[in-house]
Amino acid sequence: MAADRNPWINSPAATVDATKWSTWKPDVAYSGGTAGTSDQARNGNAIPHQGDGQNVLFLDSHVEFAKRAYCSVEDDNIYTVARNSPPGTADLYGTVPTPGSSCTPMNRKDSLLVHDPDNFGSTTKKR
C-alpha cells in the first residue's frame, strides 16, 4: 500500500499543524468514541488535496481517491498507529506516529504509511 504523504509527519512540503490532531475526529462511530463531523474528519486527510482525501495505491494495483484516511483493512487508519485495543484489530482513530522505534505498526492489521521526514523538524536536510 502507498499513498500521499502522512499529514502527521513533517515533510519538505509541509510542517505538521499540531492543532489539527486535537480537532481531528472520524465521522463514523468508533471504539472508544462518538462520531465527529465531516469537517473534523477532513483534518486527518493528506495535505496536498486541501483535506479532501488522499490517493491510495492498494496491493492489487488499483488506485483510489479515498475521502477518509481510514481506508485500509477493516477501516484501519493508514496514517496513525493503532492503539491495539482490542489486540490484533484495526483502528480508524489511532495515535500520532512519532520518530524512533515506536513508529511501527502495532499489529498485523495496522497499516501505517510513513515517509522520509524532514529530519523530524531539524533544519539540516538528510542526504
N, C-alpha and C. Protein backbone atom coordinates (compact mmCIF):
# COMPACT_ATOMS: atom_id res chain seq x y z
N MET A 1 0.85 -1.17 0.00
CA MET A 1 0.00 0.00 0.00
C MET A 1 0.90 1.24 0.00
N ALA A 2 0.48 2.24 -0.72
CA ALA A 2 1.18 3.52 -0.75
C ALA A 2 0.13 4.62 -0.88
N ALA A 3 0.50 5.82 -0.46
CA ALA A 3 -0.46 6.94 -0.52
C ALA A 3 0.28 8.26 -0.45
N ASP A 4 -0.48 9.35 -0.51
CA ASP A 4 0.09 10.68 -0.31
C ASP A 4 0.78 10.73 1.05
N ARG A 5 1.66 11.70 1.23
CA ARG A 5 2.42 11.83 2.48
C ARG A 5 1.53 11.89 3.72
N ASN A 6 2.05 11.30 4.78
CA ASN A 6 1.36 11.27 6.07
C ASN A 6 1.22 12.70 6.61
N PRO A 7 -0.01 13.15 6.91
CA PRO A 7 -0.19 14.53 7.38
C PRO A 7 0.32 14.76 8.80
N TRP A 8 0.68 13.70 9.52
CA TRP A 8 1.13 13.84 10.90
C TRP A 8 2.64 13.80 11.02
N ILE A 9 3.37 13.73 9.89
CA ILE A 9 4.83 13.71 9.89
C ILE A 9 5.32 14.88 9.04
N ASN A 10 6.26 15.66 9.57
CA ASN A 10 6.82 16.79 8.81
C ASN A 10 7.44 16.29 7.51
N SER A 11 7.36 17.11 6.49
CA SER A 11 7.96 16.78 5.20
C SER A 11 8.53 18.06 4.60
N PRO A 12 9.34 17.93 3.55
CA PRO A 12 9.85 19.15 2.91
C PRO A 12 8.72 20.04 2.38
N ALA A 13 7.58 19.45 2.08
CA ALA A 13 6.46 20.20 1.51
C ALA A 13 5.60 20.90 2.57
N ALA A 14 5.60 20.38 3.78
CA ALA A 14 4.71 20.95 4.80
C ALA A 14 5.17 20.59 6.20
N THR A 15 4.83 21.44 7.14
CA THR A 15 5.08 21.18 8.55
C THR A 15 3.76 20.80 9.18
N VAL A 16 3.80 19.83 10.07
CA VAL A 16 2.59 19.35 10.72
C VAL A 16 1.94 20.48 11.52
N ASP A 17 0.66 20.64 11.35
CA ASP A 17 -0.13 21.60 12.13
C ASP A 17 -0.62 20.86 13.37
N ALA A 18 0.06 21.06 14.49
CA ALA A 18 -0.25 20.33 15.72
C ALA A 18 -1.69 20.54 16.19
N THR A 19 -2.29 21.65 15.85
CA THR A 19 -3.67 21.91 16.29
C THR A 19 -4.66 21.00 15.57
N LYS A 20 -4.29 20.49 14.40
CA LYS A 20 -5.23 19.64 13.66
C LYS A 20 -5.52 18.34 14.38
N TRP A 21 -4.52 17.77 15.09
CA TRP A 21 -4.76 16.50 15.78
C TRP A 21 -5.87 16.67 16.81
N SER A 22 -5.87 17.77 17.53
CA SER A 22 -6.90 17.97 18.56
C SER A 22 -8.28 18.23 17.95
N THR A 23 -8.33 18.62 16.69
CA THR A 23 -9.62 18.88 16.05
C THR A 23 -10.04 17.74 15.13
N TRP A 24 -9.16 16.74 14.93
CA TRP A 24 -9.48 15.62 14.05
C TRP A 24 -10.29 14.58 14.79
N LYS A 25 -11.32 14.07 14.12
CA LYS A 25 -12.15 13.01 14.70
C LYS A 25 -12.85 12.29 13.55
N PRO A 26 -12.83 10.95 13.54
CA PRO A 26 -13.54 10.23 12.47
C PRO A 26 -15.02 10.60 12.46
N ASP A 27 -15.61 10.62 11.27
CA ASP A 27 -17.03 10.96 11.19
C ASP A 27 -17.93 9.73 11.18
N VAL A 28 -17.43 8.65 11.75
CA VAL A 28 -18.23 7.44 11.99
C VAL A 28 -17.98 7.02 13.43
N ALA A 29 -18.93 6.30 14.02
CA ALA A 29 -18.75 5.82 15.39
C ALA A 29 -17.56 4.86 15.42
N TYR A 30 -16.77 4.91 16.47
CA TYR A 30 -15.59 4.06 16.60
C TYR A 30 -15.44 3.61 18.04
N SER A 31 -14.63 2.58 18.24
CA SER A 31 -14.39 2.05 19.57
C SER A 31 -13.78 3.12 20.47
N GLY A 32 -14.47 3.46 21.52
CA GLY A 32 -13.95 4.44 22.47
C GLY A 32 -14.35 5.87 22.16
N GLY A 33 -15.24 6.10 21.20
CA GLY A 33 -15.62 7.47 20.89
C GLY A 33 -16.88 7.57 20.05
N THR A 34 -17.36 8.78 19.92
CA THR A 34 -18.54 9.04 19.11
C THR A 34 -18.12 9.70 17.80
N ALA A 35 -19.00 9.65 16.83
CA ALA A 35 -18.70 10.19 15.51
C ALA A 35 -18.54 11.70 15.55
N GLY A 36 -17.57 12.20 14.79
CA GLY A 36 -17.37 13.63 14.64
C GLY A 36 -18.09 14.13 13.39
N THR A 37 -17.83 15.35 13.02
CA THR A 37 -18.44 15.94 11.82
C THR A 37 -17.55 15.66 10.60
N SER A 38 -18.08 15.92 9.42
CA SER A 38 -17.28 15.76 8.20
C SER A 38 -16.07 16.68 8.20
N ASP A 39 -16.24 17.91 8.70
CA ASP A 39 -15.11 18.84 8.78
C ASP A 39 -14.03 18.32 9.71
N GLN A 40 -14.41 17.72 10.84
CA GLN A 40 -13.43 17.15 11.77
C GLN A 40 -12.68 16.00 11.10
N ALA A 41 -13.38 15.17 10.35
CA ALA A 41 -12.75 14.02 9.69
C ALA A 41 -11.76 14.47 8.61
N ARG A 42 -12.04 15.55 7.93
CA ARG A 42 -11.15 16.06 6.87
C ARG A 42 -9.79 16.48 7.42
N ASN A 43 -9.71 16.84 8.69
CA ASN A 43 -8.44 17.25 9.29
C ASN A 43 -7.41 16.13 9.33
N GLY A 44 -7.83 14.88 9.16
CA GLY A 44 -6.91 13.75 9.17
C GLY A 44 -6.48 13.30 7.78
N ASN A 45 -6.88 14.04 6.76
CA ASN A 45 -6.53 13.68 5.39
C ASN A 45 -5.20 14.29 4.96
N ALA A 46 -4.69 13.82 3.82
CA ALA A 46 -3.41 14.30 3.29
C ALA A 46 -3.47 15.79 2.95
N ILE A 47 -2.35 16.46 3.11
CA ILE A 47 -2.25 17.90 2.90
C ILE A 47 -2.39 18.31 1.42
N PRO A 48 -1.82 17.56 0.45
CA PRO A 48 -1.84 18.04 -0.94
C PRO A 48 -3.22 18.26 -1.55
N HIS A 49 -4.23 17.64 -1.00
CA HIS A 49 -5.58 17.75 -1.58
C HIS A 49 -6.50 18.63 -0.74
N GLN A 50 -5.93 19.56 0.01
CA GLN A 50 -6.68 20.52 0.83
C GLN A 50 -7.70 19.83 1.75
N GLY A 51 -7.34 18.65 2.24
CA GLY A 51 -8.21 17.95 3.18
C GLY A 51 -9.32 17.14 2.55
N ASP A 52 -9.39 17.12 1.22
CA ASP A 52 -10.47 16.37 0.56
C ASP A 52 -10.25 14.87 0.59
N GLY A 53 -9.00 14.41 0.72
CA GLY A 53 -8.71 12.98 0.75
C GLY A 53 -7.28 12.72 0.35
N GLN A 54 -7.01 11.49 -0.10
CA GLN A 54 -5.68 11.08 -0.50
C GLN A 54 -5.76 10.00 -1.57
N ASN A 55 -4.77 10.01 -2.46
CA ASN A 55 -4.65 8.93 -3.45
C ASN A 55 -4.01 7.75 -2.74
N VAL A 56 -4.61 6.58 -2.86
CA VAL A 56 -4.11 5.38 -2.19
C VAL A 56 -3.92 4.28 -3.22
N LEU A 57 -2.71 3.72 -3.25
CA LEU A 57 -2.39 2.59 -4.13
C LEU A 57 -2.50 1.32 -3.30
N PHE A 58 -3.35 0.41 -3.72
CA PHE A 58 -3.58 -0.83 -2.99
C PHE A 58 -2.74 -1.97 -3.57
N LEU A 59 -2.62 -3.06 -2.82
CA LEU A 59 -1.78 -4.19 -3.19
C LEU A 59 -2.18 -4.79 -4.54
N ASP A 60 -3.46 -4.73 -4.89
CA ASP A 60 -3.91 -5.29 -6.17
C ASP A 60 -3.67 -4.33 -7.35
N SER A 61 -2.93 -3.26 -7.12
CA SER A 61 -2.51 -2.27 -8.11
C SER A 61 -3.57 -1.25 -8.50
N HIS A 62 -4.71 -1.22 -7.83
CA HIS A 62 -5.67 -0.17 -8.17
C HIS A 62 -5.43 1.04 -7.27
N VAL A 63 -5.70 2.22 -7.82
CA VAL A 63 -5.55 3.47 -7.09
C VAL A 63 -6.94 4.04 -6.84
N GLU A 64 -7.13 4.54 -5.64
CA GLU A 64 -8.43 5.09 -5.26
C GLU A 64 -8.21 6.43 -4.57
N PHE A 65 -9.08 7.39 -4.85
CA PHE A 65 -9.04 8.64 -4.09
C PHE A 65 -9.95 8.42 -2.88
N ALA A 66 -9.32 8.14 -1.73
CA ALA A 66 -10.07 7.86 -0.51
C ALA A 66 -10.40 9.16 0.20
N LYS A 67 -11.66 9.37 0.51
CA LYS A 67 -12.08 10.61 1.16
C LYS A 67 -11.78 10.63 2.65
N ARG A 68 -11.39 9.48 3.20
CA ARG A 68 -11.01 9.40 4.60
C ARG A 68 -9.75 8.55 4.71
N ALA A 69 -8.93 8.81 5.73
CA ALA A 69 -7.68 8.08 5.92
C ALA A 69 -7.90 6.68 6.48
N TYR A 70 -9.08 6.40 7.00
CA TYR A 70 -9.36 5.06 7.50
C TYR A 70 -9.95 4.26 6.35
N CYS A 71 -9.04 3.81 5.47
CA CYS A 71 -9.44 3.15 4.22
C CYS A 71 -8.70 1.83 4.00
N SER A 72 -8.06 1.31 5.03
CA SER A 72 -7.30 0.07 4.89
C SER A 72 -8.12 -1.11 5.42
N VAL A 73 -7.45 -2.19 5.74
CA VAL A 73 -8.10 -3.40 6.24
C VAL A 73 -8.99 -3.05 7.43
N GLU A 74 -10.25 -3.45 7.36
CA GLU A 74 -11.22 -3.21 8.43
C GLU A 74 -11.27 -1.74 8.85
N ASP A 75 -11.14 -0.83 7.89
CA ASP A 75 -11.19 0.61 8.12
C ASP A 75 -10.07 1.14 9.02
N ASP A 76 -8.93 0.48 8.98
CA ASP A 76 -7.78 0.95 9.75
C ASP A 76 -7.28 2.26 9.14
N ASN A 77 -6.83 3.18 9.99
CA ASN A 77 -6.30 4.46 9.54
C ASN A 77 -4.88 4.27 9.03
N ILE A 78 -4.62 4.69 7.80
CA ILE A 78 -3.31 4.46 7.19
C ILE A 78 -2.24 5.42 7.70
N TYR A 79 -2.62 6.47 8.40
CA TYR A 79 -1.66 7.48 8.86
C TYR A 79 -1.41 7.47 10.36
N THR A 80 -2.05 6.58 11.11
CA THR A 80 -1.85 6.55 12.56
C THR A 80 -1.44 5.16 13.02
N VAL A 81 -0.87 5.08 14.22
CA VAL A 81 -0.51 3.81 14.83
C VAL A 81 -1.72 3.32 15.62
N ALA A 82 -2.10 2.07 15.42
CA ALA A 82 -3.26 1.52 16.14
C ALA A 82 -3.02 1.56 17.64
N ARG A 83 -4.08 1.79 18.38
CA ARG A 83 -3.99 1.78 19.84
C ARG A 83 -3.96 0.36 20.37
N ASN A 84 -4.25 -0.61 19.48
CA ASN A 84 -4.20 -2.04 19.80
C ASN A 84 -5.17 -2.45 20.89
N SER A 85 -6.36 -1.89 20.86
CA SER A 85 -7.37 -2.35 21.80
C SER A 85 -8.67 -2.55 21.07
N PRO A 86 -9.19 -3.74 21.00
CA PRO A 86 -8.55 -4.97 21.49
C PRO A 86 -7.37 -5.38 20.60
N PRO A 87 -6.43 -6.16 21.17
CA PRO A 87 -5.24 -6.56 20.42
C PRO A 87 -5.58 -7.25 19.10
N GLY A 88 -4.82 -6.94 18.06
CA GLY A 88 -4.99 -7.59 16.78
C GLY A 88 -6.10 -7.03 15.91
N THR A 89 -6.64 -5.87 16.28
CA THR A 89 -7.72 -5.29 15.49
C THR A 89 -7.25 -4.02 14.79
N ALA A 90 -7.99 -3.64 13.77
CA ALA A 90 -7.71 -2.39 13.06
C ALA A 90 -8.22 -1.23 13.92
N ASP A 91 -7.77 -0.01 13.62
CA ASP A 91 -8.15 1.14 14.44
C ASP A 91 -8.28 2.36 13.54
N LEU A 92 -9.50 2.88 13.38
CA LEU A 92 -9.67 4.02 12.49
C LEU A 92 -9.26 5.32 13.14
N TYR A 93 -9.03 5.36 14.44
CA TYR A 93 -8.57 6.57 15.11
C TYR A 93 -7.06 6.53 15.29
N GLY A 94 -6.56 5.71 16.19
CA GLY A 94 -5.13 5.54 16.39
C GLY A 94 -4.46 6.69 17.12
N THR A 95 -3.12 6.69 17.07
CA THR A 95 -2.33 7.74 17.70
C THR A 95 -1.32 8.27 16.67
N VAL A 96 -0.81 9.46 16.92
CA VAL A 96 0.15 10.10 16.01
C VAL A 96 1.45 9.30 16.00
N PRO A 97 1.98 8.97 14.80
CA PRO A 97 3.28 8.30 14.75
C PRO A 97 4.39 9.24 15.20
N THR A 98 5.34 8.71 15.96
CA THR A 98 6.45 9.52 16.44
C THR A 98 7.76 8.91 15.95
N PRO A 99 8.81 9.71 15.84
CA PRO A 99 10.08 9.17 15.37
C PRO A 99 10.63 8.11 16.30
N GLY A 100 11.36 7.17 15.73
CA GLY A 100 12.01 6.15 16.53
C GLY A 100 11.33 4.80 16.41
N SER A 101 11.61 3.93 17.35
CA SER A 101 11.13 2.56 17.28
C SER A 101 9.62 2.45 17.44
N SER A 102 8.96 3.47 18.00
CA SER A 102 7.51 3.39 18.17
C SER A 102 6.77 3.69 16.87
N CYS A 103 7.48 4.06 15.83
CA CYS A 103 6.86 4.39 14.54
C CYS A 103 6.77 3.12 13.69
N THR A 104 6.15 2.10 14.25
CA THR A 104 5.95 0.83 13.56
C THR A 104 4.50 0.40 13.74
N PRO A 105 3.99 -0.44 12.83
CA PRO A 105 2.62 -0.93 13.01
C PRO A 105 2.49 -1.69 14.33
N MET A 106 1.32 -1.57 14.95
CA MET A 106 1.09 -2.20 16.25
C MET A 106 0.79 -3.69 16.12
N ASN A 107 0.15 -4.09 15.02
CA ASN A 107 -0.22 -5.49 14.84
C ASN A 107 -0.39 -5.78 13.35
N ARG A 108 -0.80 -7.00 13.01
CA ARG A 108 -0.91 -7.41 11.60
C ARG A 108 -1.95 -6.62 10.82
N LYS A 109 -2.94 -6.08 11.47
CA LYS A 109 -4.00 -5.35 10.77
C LYS A 109 -3.77 -3.84 10.78
N ASP A 110 -2.67 -3.40 11.36
CA ASP A 110 -2.37 -1.97 11.44
C ASP A 110 -1.57 -1.54 10.22
N SER A 111 -2.20 -0.77 9.34
CA SER A 111 -1.50 -0.21 8.19
C SER A 111 -0.97 1.16 8.60
N LEU A 112 0.33 1.35 8.53
CA LEU A 112 0.93 2.63 8.90
C LEU A 112 1.84 3.08 7.78
N LEU A 113 1.45 4.13 7.08
CA LEU A 113 2.25 4.66 5.99
C LEU A 113 3.08 5.84 6.48
N VAL A 114 4.38 5.73 6.29
CA VAL A 114 5.29 6.80 6.69
C VAL A 114 6.13 7.20 5.48
N HIS A 115 6.83 8.30 5.57
CA HIS A 115 7.72 8.75 4.51
C HIS A 115 8.99 9.28 5.15
N ASP A 116 9.98 9.54 4.32
CA ASP A 116 11.19 10.15 4.85
C ASP A 116 10.81 11.52 5.37
N PRO A 117 10.92 11.73 6.65
CA PRO A 117 10.52 13.02 7.21
C PRO A 117 11.53 14.11 6.89
N ASP A 118 11.14 15.30 7.18
CA ASP A 118 12.04 16.45 7.04
C ASP A 118 12.97 16.44 8.24
N ASN A 119 13.64 15.30 8.46
CA ASN A 119 14.57 15.08 9.57
C ASN A 119 13.91 15.37 10.91
N PHE A 120 12.62 15.07 11.00
CA PHE A 120 11.83 15.25 12.22
C PHE A 120 12.03 16.63 12.83
N GLY A 121 11.93 17.65 11.98
CA GLY A 121 11.94 19.03 12.47
C GLY A 121 13.30 19.70 12.44
N SER A 122 14.35 18.98 12.11
CA SER A 122 15.68 19.59 12.06
C SER A 122 15.78 20.53 10.87
N THR A 123 16.64 21.53 10.98
CA THR A 123 16.84 22.45 9.86
C THR A 123 17.85 21.91 8.87
N THR A 124 18.53 20.82 9.21
CA THR A 124 19.51 20.21 8.32
C THR A 124 18.83 19.11 7.51
N LYS A 125 18.93 19.18 6.19
CA LYS A 125 18.31 18.18 5.33
C LYS A 125 19.15 16.91 5.29
N LYS A 126 18.47 15.75 5.23
CA LYS A 126 19.17 14.48 5.08
C LYS A 126 19.60 14.30 3.63
N ARG A 127 20.63 13.51 3.42
CA ARG A 127 21.07 13.18 2.06
C ARG A 127 20.71 11.77 1.73
